[in-house]
Amino acid sequence: MAVYKLTYFNFPALAEPIRFLLSYLEIDFEDVRFEREQWPSIKPTMPFGKVPILEIDGKVLNQSVAISRYLSKKAGLAGSDEWESLLIDIAVDNVNDLRQAIALPVFDPNEESKAEKYVTLINETIPLYMNKFENTVGENDGYFVNGKLSLADIHFVAILDFLSFLAKVDLLEGRPNLQAHKKKIFDIPQIKSWIAKRPAFSMKL
């Protein structure tokens, strides 16, 4: 059997969709975590100086979405044809656009522009994306694409709590379709098992 080793910070973010997918596939993996203060010494050893990385039998892979897409294909969650795969990729990219928008004020060192970006985020960006996601799930029988489980659903739910933490708001408040969607994904037995045993993430950024 292949040996899987995932390396990332001690919080969900970019690595959590990979952890969800490995758990969904019932693949045992070594979950290597480190704290932010350790990053300067680890960074030079990483491909392109970034994490997460996934090692499969010692082969080092970077790019979290590409890794998730690979695992989702193994799990049968990447689309039944080219068109469905395209729709799933679009949904994942839309979620990542929101993630990047939420990260902008969080990691802005300038307090004045940070505050301005946060106001735009709360009043414009989050409502735009989250309302569209709410409608999409409502129109697709509780899923992002074609009324069935896909990478898009797992990707969204895996990073959702961390995005709410970064944005300092409950992204699901007032959005019942997405609330039901999260519960449905969390209730998948393999994912439920992972959530029950995963370590609490560090609240330090």
N, C-alpha and C. Protein backbone atom coordinates (compact mmCIF):
# COMPACT_ATOMS: atom_id res chain seq x y z
N MET A 1 0.83 -1.20 0.00
CA MET A 1 0.00 0.00 0.00
C MET A 1 0.87 1.25 0.00
N ALA A 2 0.38 2.26 -0.71
CA ALA A 2 1.13 3.51 -0.77
C ALA A 2 1.15 4.19 0.59
N VAL A 3 2.24 4.92 0.85
CA VAL A 3 2.40 5.66 2.10
C VAL A 3 2.16 7.14 1.83
N TYR A 4 1.23 7.74 2.56
CA TYR A 4 0.84 9.14 2.38
C TYR A 4 1.28 9.96 3.58
N LYS A 5 1.89 11.12 3.30
CA LYS A 5 2.34 12.02 4.35
C LYS A 5 2.00 13.45 3.95
N LEU A 6 1.17 14.10 4.76
CA LEU A 6 0.73 15.47 4.48
C LEU A 6 1.41 16.42 5.46
N THR A 7 1.97 17.50 4.95
CA THR A 7 2.67 18.47 5.78
C THR A 7 2.05 19.85 5.62
N TYR A 8 1.68 20.46 6.77
CA TYR A 8 1.06 21.80 6.73
C TYR A 8 1.11 22.42 8.12
N PHE A 9 0.71 23.69 8.19
CA PHE A 9 0.57 24.37 9.47
C PHE A 9 -0.46 23.65 10.34
N ASN A 10 -0.47 24.00 11.62
CA ASN A 10 -1.41 23.38 12.55
C ASN A 10 -2.77 24.09 12.53
N PHE A 11 -3.33 24.18 11.33
CA PHE A 11 -4.71 24.64 11.19
C PHE A 11 -5.27 24.09 9.88
N PRO A 12 -6.59 24.25 9.65
CA PRO A 12 -7.22 23.61 8.47
C PRO A 12 -6.77 24.25 7.15
N ALA A 13 -7.43 25.34 6.76
CA ALA A 13 -7.08 26.10 5.55
C ALA A 13 -6.84 25.20 4.34
N LEU A 14 -5.71 25.40 3.66
CA LEU A 14 -5.48 24.74 2.37
C LEU A 14 -5.33 23.23 2.47
N ALA A 15 -4.94 22.74 3.62
CA ALA A 15 -4.72 21.30 3.75
C ALA A 15 -5.99 20.51 4.07
N GLU A 16 -7.01 21.20 4.58
CA GLU A 16 -8.15 20.44 5.08
C GLU A 16 -8.94 19.72 3.99
N PRO A 17 -9.12 20.29 2.77
CA PRO A 17 -9.75 19.49 1.73
C PRO A 17 -9.00 18.19 1.43
N ILE A 18 -7.68 18.24 1.49
CA ILE A 18 -6.88 17.03 1.26
C ILE A 18 -7.13 16.03 2.39
N ARG A 19 -7.16 16.52 3.62
CA ARG A 19 -7.44 15.64 4.75
C ARG A 19 -8.83 15.01 4.64
N PHE A 20 -9.81 15.82 4.23
CA PHE A 20 -11.17 15.29 4.04
C PHE A 20 -11.18 14.20 2.97
N LEU A 21 -10.51 14.45 1.86
CA LEU A 21 -10.53 13.49 0.75
C LEU A 21 -9.79 12.20 1.10
N LEU A 22 -8.65 12.33 1.76
CA LEU A 22 -7.94 11.12 2.19
C LEU A 22 -8.80 10.31 3.15
N SER A 23 -9.50 11.00 4.03
CA SER A 23 -10.39 10.32 4.98
C SER A 23 -11.56 9.68 4.24
N TYR A 24 -12.12 10.40 3.27
CA TYR A 24 -13.24 9.87 2.48
C TYR A 24 -12.82 8.59 1.75
N LEU A 25 -11.59 8.58 1.27
CA LEU A 25 -11.05 7.42 0.57
C LEU A 25 -10.59 6.32 1.53
N GLU A 26 -10.67 6.61 2.81
CA GLU A 26 -10.21 5.68 3.86
C GLU A 26 -8.74 5.31 3.67
N ILE A 27 -7.97 6.35 3.34
CA ILE A 27 -6.52 6.20 3.19
C ILE A 27 -5.85 6.69 4.47
N ASP A 28 -5.09 5.85 5.11
CA ASP A 28 -4.32 6.27 6.28
C ASP A 28 -3.21 7.21 5.83
N PHE A 29 -3.02 8.29 6.58
CA PHE A 29 -1.97 9.24 6.21
C PHE A 29 -1.33 9.82 7.45
N GLU A 30 -0.07 10.18 7.33
CA GLU A 30 0.64 10.85 8.41
C GLU A 30 0.35 12.34 8.31
N ASP A 31 -0.22 12.90 9.34
CA ASP A 31 -0.66 14.29 9.35
C ASP A 31 0.37 15.14 10.09
N VAL A 32 1.37 15.60 9.36
CA VAL A 32 2.47 16.35 9.96
C VAL A 32 2.09 17.83 10.04
N ARG A 33 2.10 18.36 11.26
CA ARG A 33 1.73 19.75 11.48
C ARG A 33 2.87 20.50 12.17
N PHE A 34 2.97 21.78 11.86
CA PHE A 34 3.98 22.60 12.53
C PHE A 34 3.38 23.97 12.86
N GLU A 35 3.99 24.67 13.80
CA GLU A 35 3.53 25.99 14.20
C GLU A 35 4.19 27.07 13.35
N ARG A 36 3.60 28.25 13.37
CA ARG A 36 4.09 29.33 12.51
C ARG A 36 5.54 29.69 12.80
N GLU A 37 5.93 29.62 14.07
CA GLU A 37 7.31 29.99 14.41
C GLU A 37 8.34 29.01 13.83
N GLN A 38 7.87 27.82 13.44
CA GLN A 38 8.77 26.83 12.84
C GLN A 38 8.92 27.04 11.32
N TRP A 39 8.03 27.85 10.75
CA TRP A 39 7.98 27.96 9.29
C TRP A 39 9.29 28.47 8.66
N PRO A 40 9.97 29.47 9.22
CA PRO A 40 11.20 29.93 8.57
C PRO A 40 12.23 28.84 8.34
N SER A 41 12.31 27.88 9.23
CA SER A 41 13.29 26.80 9.05
C SER A 41 12.78 25.71 8.11
N ILE A 42 11.45 25.60 7.99
CA ILE A 42 10.86 24.58 7.12
C ILE A 42 10.74 25.07 5.68
N LYS A 43 10.45 26.36 5.51
CA LYS A 43 10.16 26.93 4.20
C LYS A 43 11.21 26.60 3.13
N PRO A 44 12.53 26.71 3.43
CA PRO A 44 13.53 26.43 2.39
C PRO A 44 13.51 24.99 1.89
N THR A 45 12.91 24.08 2.65
CA THR A 45 12.89 22.67 2.25
C THR A 45 11.66 22.32 1.42
N MET A 46 10.75 23.28 1.23
CA MET A 46 9.50 23.03 0.52
C MET A 46 9.60 23.44 -0.95
N PRO A 47 8.94 22.71 -1.84
CA PRO A 47 8.91 23.12 -3.25
C PRO A 47 8.30 24.52 -3.36
N PHE A 48 8.98 25.43 -3.99
CA PHE A 48 8.51 26.80 -4.19
C PHE A 48 8.24 27.52 -2.86
N GLY A 49 8.75 26.99 -1.76
CA GLY A 49 8.61 27.64 -0.46
C GLY A 49 7.20 27.73 0.06
N LYS A 50 6.34 26.76 -0.31
CA LYS A 50 4.94 26.81 0.11
C LYS A 50 4.48 25.45 0.59
N VAL A 51 3.41 25.47 1.39
CA VAL A 51 2.72 24.26 1.83
C VAL A 51 1.22 24.46 1.59
N PRO A 52 0.44 23.40 1.56
CA PRO A 52 0.77 22.03 1.94
C PRO A 52 1.53 21.28 0.86
N ILE A 53 2.19 20.20 1.30
CA ILE A 53 2.70 19.22 0.36
C ILE A 53 2.15 17.85 0.76
N LEU A 54 1.97 17.01 -0.23
CA LEU A 54 1.57 15.63 0.02
C LEU A 54 2.65 14.74 -0.57
N GLU A 55 3.19 13.85 0.26
CA GLU A 55 4.16 12.87 -0.22
C GLU A 55 3.46 11.52 -0.37
N ILE A 56 3.60 10.93 -1.54
CA ILE A 56 3.06 9.60 -1.80
C ILE A 56 4.24 8.71 -2.15
N ASP A 57 4.51 7.77 -1.26
CA ASP A 57 5.68 6.90 -1.41
C ASP A 57 6.95 7.72 -1.64
N GLY A 58 7.07 8.82 -0.89
CA GLY A 58 8.27 9.64 -0.96
C GLY A 58 8.30 10.66 -2.08
N LYS A 59 7.34 10.59 -3.01
CA LYS A 59 7.27 11.59 -4.09
C LYS A 59 6.54 12.82 -3.58
N VAL A 60 7.19 13.97 -3.68
CA VAL A 60 6.67 15.20 -3.10
C VAL A 60 5.80 15.95 -4.11
N LEU A 61 4.57 16.23 -3.69
CA LEU A 61 3.60 16.93 -4.54
C LEU A 61 3.20 18.23 -3.88
N ASN A 62 3.16 19.30 -4.67
CA ASN A 62 2.66 20.58 -4.16
C ASN A 62 1.41 20.98 -4.96
N GLN A 63 0.89 22.15 -4.67
CA GLN A 63 -0.36 22.68 -5.25
C GLN A 63 -1.59 21.94 -4.72
N SER A 64 -2.20 22.54 -3.70
CA SER A 64 -3.27 21.87 -2.95
C SER A 64 -4.48 21.52 -3.80
N VAL A 65 -4.89 22.40 -4.71
CA VAL A 65 -6.09 22.11 -5.52
C VAL A 65 -5.80 20.98 -6.50
N ALA A 66 -4.62 20.96 -7.07
CA ALA A 66 -4.26 19.86 -7.98
C ALA A 66 -4.25 18.53 -7.24
N ILE A 67 -3.74 18.55 -6.01
CA ILE A 67 -3.73 17.33 -5.19
C ILE A 67 -5.16 16.90 -4.90
N SER A 68 -6.01 17.86 -4.53
CA SER A 68 -7.41 17.54 -4.25
C SER A 68 -8.11 16.99 -5.48
N ARG A 69 -7.81 17.55 -6.62
CA ARG A 69 -8.43 17.06 -7.86
C ARG A 69 -8.00 15.62 -8.15
N TYR A 70 -6.74 15.33 -7.93
CA TYR A 70 -6.23 13.97 -8.12
C TYR A 70 -6.95 12.99 -7.20
N LEU A 71 -7.06 13.36 -5.92
CA LEU A 71 -7.73 12.49 -4.96
C LEU A 71 -9.21 12.36 -5.27
N SER A 72 -9.82 13.44 -5.73
CA SER A 72 -11.26 13.38 -6.05
C SER A 72 -11.52 12.46 -7.24
N LYS A 73 -10.58 12.39 -8.16
CA LYS A 73 -10.73 11.44 -9.27
C LYS A 73 -10.68 10.00 -8.75
N LYS A 74 -9.78 9.74 -7.81
CA LYS A 74 -9.70 8.41 -7.21
C LYS A 74 -11.00 8.06 -6.49
N ALA A 75 -11.66 9.09 -5.96
CA ALA A 75 -12.88 8.88 -5.17
C ALA A 75 -14.15 8.92 -6.03
N GLY A 76 -14.00 9.20 -7.32
CA GLY A 76 -15.18 9.31 -8.18
C GLY A 76 -15.96 10.59 -7.94
N LEU A 77 -15.28 11.65 -7.50
CA LEU A 77 -15.94 12.91 -7.17
C LEU A 77 -15.52 14.06 -8.09
N ALA A 78 -14.92 13.73 -9.22
CA ALA A 78 -14.38 14.76 -10.10
C ALA A 78 -15.23 15.00 -11.34
N GLY A 79 -16.39 14.36 -11.41
CA GLY A 79 -17.28 14.56 -12.56
C GLY A 79 -17.39 13.31 -13.42
N SER A 80 -18.60 13.07 -13.92
CA SER A 80 -18.85 11.88 -14.74
C SER A 80 -18.51 12.09 -16.21
N ASP A 81 -18.30 13.34 -16.61
CA ASP A 81 -17.89 13.64 -17.99
C ASP A 81 -17.14 14.97 -17.97
N GLU A 82 -16.65 15.39 -19.12
CA GLU A 82 -15.84 16.60 -19.18
C GLU A 82 -16.62 17.84 -18.75
N TRP A 83 -17.89 17.91 -19.12
CA TRP A 83 -18.69 19.08 -18.78
C TRP A 83 -18.91 19.18 -17.28
N GLU A 84 -19.25 18.05 -16.67
CA GLU A 84 -19.46 18.05 -15.23
C GLU A 84 -18.16 18.36 -14.50
N SER A 85 -17.06 17.86 -14.98
CA SER A 85 -15.76 18.17 -14.39
C SER A 85 -15.47 19.66 -14.46
N LEU A 86 -15.84 20.27 -15.59
CA LEU A 86 -15.65 21.72 -15.75
C LEU A 86 -16.47 22.48 -14.72
N LEU A 87 -17.73 22.09 -14.54
CA LEU A 87 -18.60 22.77 -13.58
C LEU A 87 -18.05 22.63 -12.15
N ILE A 88 -17.52 21.47 -11.84
CA ILE A 88 -16.93 21.26 -10.52
C ILE A 88 -15.69 22.13 -10.33
N ASP A 89 -14.84 22.18 -11.35
CA ASP A 89 -13.64 23.02 -11.27
C ASP A 89 -14.01 24.50 -11.09
N ILE A 90 -15.04 24.94 -11.81
CA ILE A 90 -15.49 26.32 -11.69
C ILE A 90 -15.96 26.61 -10.26
N ALA A 91 -16.74 25.68 -9.70
CA ALA A 91 -17.23 25.86 -8.34
C ALA A 91 -16.07 25.95 -7.34
N VAL A 92 -15.08 25.09 -7.49
CA VAL A 92 -13.91 25.12 -6.61
C VAL A 92 -13.16 26.44 -6.75
N ASP A 93 -12.99 26.90 -7.98
CA ASP A 93 -12.28 28.16 -8.21
C ASP A 93 -13.05 29.34 -7.63
N ASN A 94 -14.39 29.30 -7.70
CA ASN A 94 -15.19 30.37 -7.10
C ASN A 94 -15.00 30.41 -5.58
N VAL A 95 -14.96 29.26 -4.96
CA VAL A 95 -14.70 29.19 -3.52
C VAL A 95 -13.31 29.73 -3.20
N ASN A 96 -12.34 29.40 -4.04
CA ASN A 96 -10.99 29.89 -3.81
C ASN A 96 -10.88 31.40 -4.02
N ASP A 97 -11.67 31.95 -4.93
CA ASP A 97 -11.70 33.40 -5.10
C ASP A 97 -12.18 34.07 -3.81
N LEU A 98 -13.21 33.48 -3.19
CA LEU A 98 -13.69 34.03 -1.91
C LEU A 98 -12.61 33.89 -0.85
N ARG A 99 -11.95 32.74 -0.81
CA ARG A 99 -10.88 32.54 0.17
C ARG A 99 -9.80 33.60 0.03
N GLN A 100 -9.39 33.89 -1.18
CA GLN A 100 -8.34 34.88 -1.41
C GLN A 100 -8.82 36.28 -1.01
N ALA A 101 -10.10 36.57 -1.27
CA ALA A 101 -10.64 37.88 -0.89
C ALA A 101 -10.68 38.04 0.62
N ILE A 102 -11.01 36.97 1.33
CA ILE A 102 -11.03 37.02 2.79
C ILE A 102 -9.62 37.19 3.35
N ALA A 103 -8.64 36.61 2.69
CA ALA A 103 -7.26 36.68 3.17
C ALA A 103 -6.65 38.08 3.00
N LEU A 104 -7.16 38.87 2.06
CA LEU A 104 -6.56 40.17 1.77
C LEU A 104 -6.48 41.08 3.01
N PRO A 105 -7.58 41.34 3.70
CA PRO A 105 -7.45 42.19 4.88
C PRO A 105 -6.72 41.52 6.04
N VAL A 106 -6.85 40.21 6.14
CA VAL A 106 -6.23 39.49 7.26
C VAL A 106 -4.72 39.67 7.26
N PHE A 107 -4.13 39.60 6.09
CA PHE A 107 -2.66 39.64 6.00
C PHE A 107 -2.11 40.97 5.51
N ASP A 108 -2.95 42.00 5.51
CA ASP A 108 -2.50 43.35 5.14
C ASP A 108 -1.81 43.98 6.34
N PRO A 109 -0.53 44.36 6.23
CA PRO A 109 0.19 44.93 7.38
C PRO A 109 -0.19 46.39 7.67
N ASN A 110 -0.83 47.04 6.71
CA ASN A 110 -1.23 48.44 6.89
C ASN A 110 -2.61 48.50 7.53
N GLU A 111 -2.68 49.04 8.73
CA GLU A 111 -3.93 49.01 9.49
C GLU A 111 -5.05 49.79 8.81
N GLU A 112 -4.71 50.89 8.15
CA GLU A 112 -5.74 51.72 7.51
C GLU A 112 -6.35 50.99 6.32
N SER A 113 -5.50 50.49 5.42
CA SER A 113 -6.04 49.77 4.25
C SER A 113 -6.66 48.45 4.67
N LYS A 114 -6.16 47.85 5.73
CA LYS A 114 -6.73 46.61 6.27
C LYS A 114 -8.19 46.84 6.66
N ALA A 115 -8.44 47.94 7.36
CA ALA A 115 -9.80 48.27 7.80
C ALA A 115 -10.71 48.54 6.61
N GLU A 116 -10.20 49.24 5.62
CA GLU A 116 -11.00 49.53 4.42
C GLU A 116 -11.36 48.24 3.67
N LYS A 117 -10.38 47.36 3.53
CA LYS A 117 -10.62 46.09 2.85
C LYS A 117 -11.64 45.24 3.60
N TYR A 118 -11.58 45.30 4.92
CA TYR A 118 -12.49 44.50 5.73
C TYR A 118 -13.93 44.97 5.56
N VAL A 119 -14.13 46.27 5.49
CA VAL A 119 -15.48 46.82 5.28
C VAL A 119 -16.03 46.35 3.94
N THR A 120 -15.22 46.40 2.91
CA THR A 120 -15.65 45.93 1.59
C THR A 120 -15.95 44.44 1.62
N LEU A 121 -15.11 43.71 2.31
CA LEU A 121 -15.29 42.26 2.42
C LEU A 121 -16.64 41.92 3.04
N ILE A 122 -16.95 42.55 4.16
CA ILE A 122 -18.17 42.23 4.90
C ILE A 122 -19.42 42.72 4.18
N ASN A 123 -19.35 43.90 3.61
CA ASN A 123 -20.54 44.51 3.02
C ASN A 123 -20.79 44.12 1.57
N GLU A 124 -19.74 43.72 0.86
CA GLU A 124 -19.92 43.46 -0.57
C GLU A 124 -19.48 42.05 -0.97
N THR A 125 -18.23 41.71 -0.70
CA THR A 125 -17.67 40.48 -1.26
C THR A 125 -18.33 39.23 -0.68
N ILE A 126 -18.40 39.14 0.64
CA ILE A 126 -18.99 37.95 1.25
C ILE A 126 -20.45 37.78 0.86
N PRO A 127 -21.28 38.82 0.94
CA PRO A 127 -22.67 38.63 0.49
C PRO A 127 -22.78 38.19 -0.96
N LEU A 128 -21.96 38.76 -1.83
CA LEU A 128 -22.00 38.38 -3.26
C LEU A 128 -21.74 36.88 -3.43
N TYR A 129 -20.65 36.41 -2.87
CA TYR A 129 -20.28 35.00 -3.06
C TYR A 129 -21.20 34.05 -2.30
N MET A 130 -21.43 34.35 -1.03
CA MET A 130 -22.18 33.41 -0.21
C MET A 130 -23.64 33.31 -0.65
N ASN A 131 -24.23 34.41 -1.09
CA ASN A 131 -25.61 34.35 -1.59
C ASN A 131 -25.69 33.54 -2.88
N LYS A 132 -24.69 33.68 -3.72
CA LYS A 132 -24.65 32.86 -4.95
C LYS A 132 -24.48 31.39 -4.61
N PHE A 133 -23.62 31.09 -3.65
CA PHE A 133 -23.45 29.69 -3.23
C PHE A 133 -24.75 29.15 -2.63
N GLU A 134 -25.43 29.97 -1.84
CA GLU A 134 -26.71 29.56 -1.26
C GLU A 134 -27.72 29.20 -2.34
N ASN A 135 -27.79 30.04 -3.36
CA ASN A 135 -28.73 29.78 -4.46
C ASN A 135 -28.32 28.56 -5.28
N THR A 136 -27.03 28.42 -5.51
CA THR A 136 -26.55 27.28 -6.29
C THR A 136 -26.90 25.97 -5.62
N VAL A 137 -26.65 25.88 -4.34
CA VAL A 137 -26.95 24.66 -3.60
C VAL A 137 -28.46 24.41 -3.56
N GLY A 138 -29.23 25.49 -3.43
CA GLY A 138 -30.68 25.35 -3.43
C GLY A 138 -31.24 24.86 -4.76
N GLU A 139 -30.55 25.19 -5.84
CA GLU A 139 -31.01 24.81 -7.18
C GLU A 139 -30.49 23.45 -7.62
N ASN A 140 -29.58 22.85 -6.84
CA ASN A 140 -28.94 21.59 -7.24
C ASN A 140 -29.15 20.48 -6.20
N ASP A 141 -30.34 20.46 -5.63
CA ASP A 141 -30.71 19.39 -4.69
C ASP A 141 -29.72 19.26 -3.53
N GLY A 142 -29.22 20.39 -3.06
CA GLY A 142 -28.37 20.37 -1.88
C GLY A 142 -26.89 20.20 -2.13
N TYR A 143 -26.47 20.29 -3.39
CA TYR A 143 -25.05 20.17 -3.74
C TYR A 143 -24.65 21.31 -4.68
N PHE A 144 -23.37 21.42 -4.94
CA PHE A 144 -22.90 22.49 -5.81
C PHE A 144 -23.13 22.19 -7.29
N VAL A 145 -23.01 20.93 -7.68
CA VAL A 145 -23.07 20.59 -9.11
C VAL A 145 -23.94 19.35 -9.32
N ASN A 146 -24.94 19.49 -10.16
CA ASN A 146 -25.73 18.36 -10.67
C ASN A 146 -26.33 17.46 -9.60
N GLY A 147 -26.64 18.02 -8.43
CA GLY A 147 -27.38 17.29 -7.42
C GLY A 147 -26.69 16.07 -6.84
N LYS A 148 -25.35 16.10 -6.82
CA LYS A 148 -24.63 14.96 -6.23
C LYS A 148 -23.30 15.42 -5.65
N LEU A 149 -22.79 14.60 -4.75
CA LEU A 149 -21.54 14.92 -4.07
C LEU A 149 -20.38 15.02 -5.06
N SER A 150 -19.56 16.06 -4.88
CA SER A 150 -18.37 16.23 -5.72
C SER A 150 -17.27 16.92 -4.92
N LEU A 151 -16.14 17.07 -5.56
CA LEU A 151 -15.02 17.79 -4.95
C LEU A 151 -15.45 19.17 -4.49
N ALA A 152 -16.32 19.83 -5.24
CA ALA A 152 -16.74 21.19 -4.88
C ALA A 152 -17.36 21.24 -3.49
N ASP A 153 -18.18 20.26 -3.17
CA ASP A 153 -18.84 20.22 -1.86
C ASP A 153 -17.83 19.99 -0.75
N ILE A 154 -16.95 19.04 -0.95
CA ILE A 154 -15.95 18.73 0.08
C ILE A 154 -14.97 19.89 0.25
N HIS A 155 -14.55 20.49 -0.83
CA HIS A 155 -13.62 21.62 -0.77
C HIS A 155 -14.24 22.77 0.02
N PHE A 156 -15.47 23.12 -0.30
CA PHE A 156 -16.14 24.23 0.35
C PHE A 156 -16.29 23.99 1.85
N VAL A 157 -16.83 22.86 2.21
CA VAL A 157 -17.09 22.58 3.62
C VAL A 157 -15.80 22.41 4.41
N ALA A 158 -14.77 21.87 3.79
CA ALA A 158 -13.51 21.64 4.49
C ALA A 158 -12.84 22.94 4.93
N ILE A 159 -12.98 24.00 4.13
CA ILE A 159 -12.32 25.26 4.50
C ILE A 159 -13.28 26.27 5.11
N LEU A 160 -14.55 25.92 5.20
CA LEU A 160 -15.58 26.88 5.62
C LEU A 160 -15.35 27.44 7.01
N ASP A 161 -15.12 26.59 7.99
CA ASP A 161 -14.96 27.08 9.35
C ASP A 161 -13.74 27.99 9.47
N PHE A 162 -12.69 27.68 8.77
CA PHE A 162 -11.50 28.53 8.81
C PHE A 162 -11.77 29.88 8.15
N LEU A 163 -12.56 29.87 7.07
CA LEU A 163 -12.90 31.14 6.43
C LEU A 163 -13.75 32.01 7.35
N SER A 164 -14.67 31.39 8.07
CA SER A 164 -15.47 32.15 9.04
C SER A 164 -14.58 32.73 10.13
N PHE A 165 -13.60 31.96 10.56
CA PHE A 165 -12.65 32.44 11.56
C PHE A 165 -11.86 33.64 11.05
N LEU A 166 -11.37 33.55 9.82
CA LEU A 166 -10.61 34.66 9.25
C LEU A 166 -11.47 35.91 9.07
N ALA A 167 -12.71 35.70 8.59
CA ALA A 167 -13.60 36.83 8.30
C ALA A 167 -14.25 37.40 9.56
N LYS A 168 -14.17 36.65 10.67
CA LYS A 168 -14.75 37.07 11.95
C LYS A 168 -16.27 37.15 11.89
N VAL A 169 -16.88 36.37 11.02
CA VAL A 169 -18.34 36.29 10.92
C VAL A 169 -18.72 34.85 10.61
N ASP A 170 -19.96 34.50 10.94
CA ASP A 170 -20.48 33.19 10.57
C ASP A 170 -20.98 33.27 9.13
N LEU A 171 -20.24 32.68 8.22
CA LEU A 171 -20.58 32.78 6.80
C LEU A 171 -21.91 32.10 6.47
N LEU A 172 -22.39 31.22 7.33
CA LEU A 172 -23.63 30.49 7.05
C LEU A 172 -24.86 31.14 7.68
N GLU A 173 -24.67 32.19 8.45
CA GLU A 173 -25.81 32.82 9.11
C GLU A 173 -26.83 33.30 8.08
N GLY A 174 -28.09 32.89 8.25
CA GLY A 174 -29.14 33.29 7.34
C GLY A 174 -29.13 32.57 6.00
N ARG A 175 -28.37 31.48 5.92
CA ARG A 175 -28.28 30.74 4.65
C ARG A 175 -28.60 29.26 4.91
N PRO A 176 -29.88 28.93 4.98
CA PRO A 176 -30.29 27.57 5.37
C PRO A 176 -29.85 26.48 4.41
N ASN A 177 -29.77 26.77 3.13
CA ASN A 177 -29.33 25.74 2.18
C ASN A 177 -27.89 25.32 2.45
N LEU A 178 -27.06 26.31 2.73
CA LEU A 178 -25.65 26.01 3.01
C LEU A 178 -25.48 25.38 4.39
N GLN A 179 -26.32 25.74 5.32
CA GLN A 179 -26.27 25.10 6.64
C GLN A 179 -26.57 23.61 6.51
N ALA A 180 -27.62 23.29 5.73
CA ALA A 180 -27.98 21.89 5.51
C ALA A 180 -26.89 21.16 4.73
N HIS A 181 -26.27 21.88 3.80
CA HIS A 181 -25.19 21.32 2.98
C HIS A 181 -24.00 20.94 3.86
N LYS A 182 -23.60 21.82 4.75
CA LYS A 182 -22.49 21.53 5.65
C LYS A 182 -22.79 20.30 6.50
N LYS A 183 -24.00 20.25 7.06
CA LYS A 183 -24.35 19.11 7.90
C LYS A 183 -24.30 17.80 7.12
N LYS A 184 -24.77 17.86 5.88
CA LYS A 184 -24.79 16.65 5.05
C LYS A 184 -23.37 16.14 4.79
N ILE A 185 -22.44 17.04 4.52
CA ILE A 185 -21.06 16.64 4.27
C ILE A 185 -20.41 16.14 5.56
N PHE A 186 -20.65 16.85 6.66
CA PHE A 186 -20.09 16.44 7.95
C PHE A 186 -20.63 15.08 8.40
N ASP A 187 -21.82 14.71 7.92
CA ASP A 187 -22.43 13.44 8.32
C ASP A 187 -21.97 12.25 7.48
N ILE A 188 -21.19 12.49 6.44
CA ILE A 188 -20.61 11.38 5.68
C ILE A 188 -19.72 10.59 6.65
N PRO A 189 -19.94 9.29 6.81
CA PRO A 189 -19.26 8.54 7.88
C PRO A 189 -17.75 8.74 7.95
N GLN A 190 -17.06 8.67 6.80
CA GLN A 190 -15.60 8.79 6.83
C GLN A 190 -15.18 10.19 7.27
N ILE A 191 -15.92 11.22 6.82
CA ILE A 191 -15.59 12.59 7.19
C ILE A 191 -15.97 12.85 8.65
N LYS A 192 -17.09 12.31 9.06
CA LYS A 192 -17.49 12.43 10.47
C LYS A 192 -16.43 11.84 11.38
N SER A 193 -15.88 10.71 10.99
CA SER A 193 -14.83 10.07 11.77
C SER A 193 -13.58 10.95 11.84
N TRP A 194 -13.20 11.57 10.71
CA TRP A 194 -12.04 12.45 10.70
C TRP A 194 -12.25 13.65 11.61
N ILE A 195 -13.43 14.28 11.51
CA ILE A 195 -13.72 15.46 12.32
C ILE A 195 -13.65 15.13 13.81
N ALA A 196 -14.10 13.94 14.17
CA ALA A 196 -14.11 13.54 15.57
C ALA A 196 -12.71 13.38 16.15
N LYS A 197 -11.75 13.05 15.30
CA LYS A 197 -10.41 12.78 15.81
C LYS A 197 -9.37 13.84 15.47
N ARG A 198 -9.71 14.78 14.57
CA ARG A 198 -8.71 15.77 14.17
C ARG A 198 -8.38 16.69 15.33
N PRO A 199 -7.14 17.18 15.39
CA PRO A 199 -6.77 18.09 16.49
C PRO A 199 -7.43 19.46 16.32
N ALA A 200 -7.67 20.12 17.44
CA ALA A 200 -8.17 21.49 17.38
C ALA A 200 -7.08 22.37 16.78
N PHE A 201 -7.49 23.29 15.88
CA PHE A 201 -6.45 24.07 15.21
C PHE A 201 -6.05 25.27 16.06
N SER A 202 -4.81 25.68 15.85
CA SER A 202 -4.26 26.84 16.54
C SER A 202 -4.96 28.10 16.07
N MET A 203 -5.29 29.00 16.98
CA MET A 203 -5.97 30.24 16.63
C MET A 203 -4.97 31.36 16.37
N LYS A 204 -3.70 31.03 16.24
CA LYS A 204 -2.69 32.05 15.99
C LYS A 204 -2.48 32.19 14.48
N LEU A 205 -2.43 33.44 14.01
CA LEU A 205 -2.17 33.70 12.58
C LEU A 205 -0.89 34.51 12.44
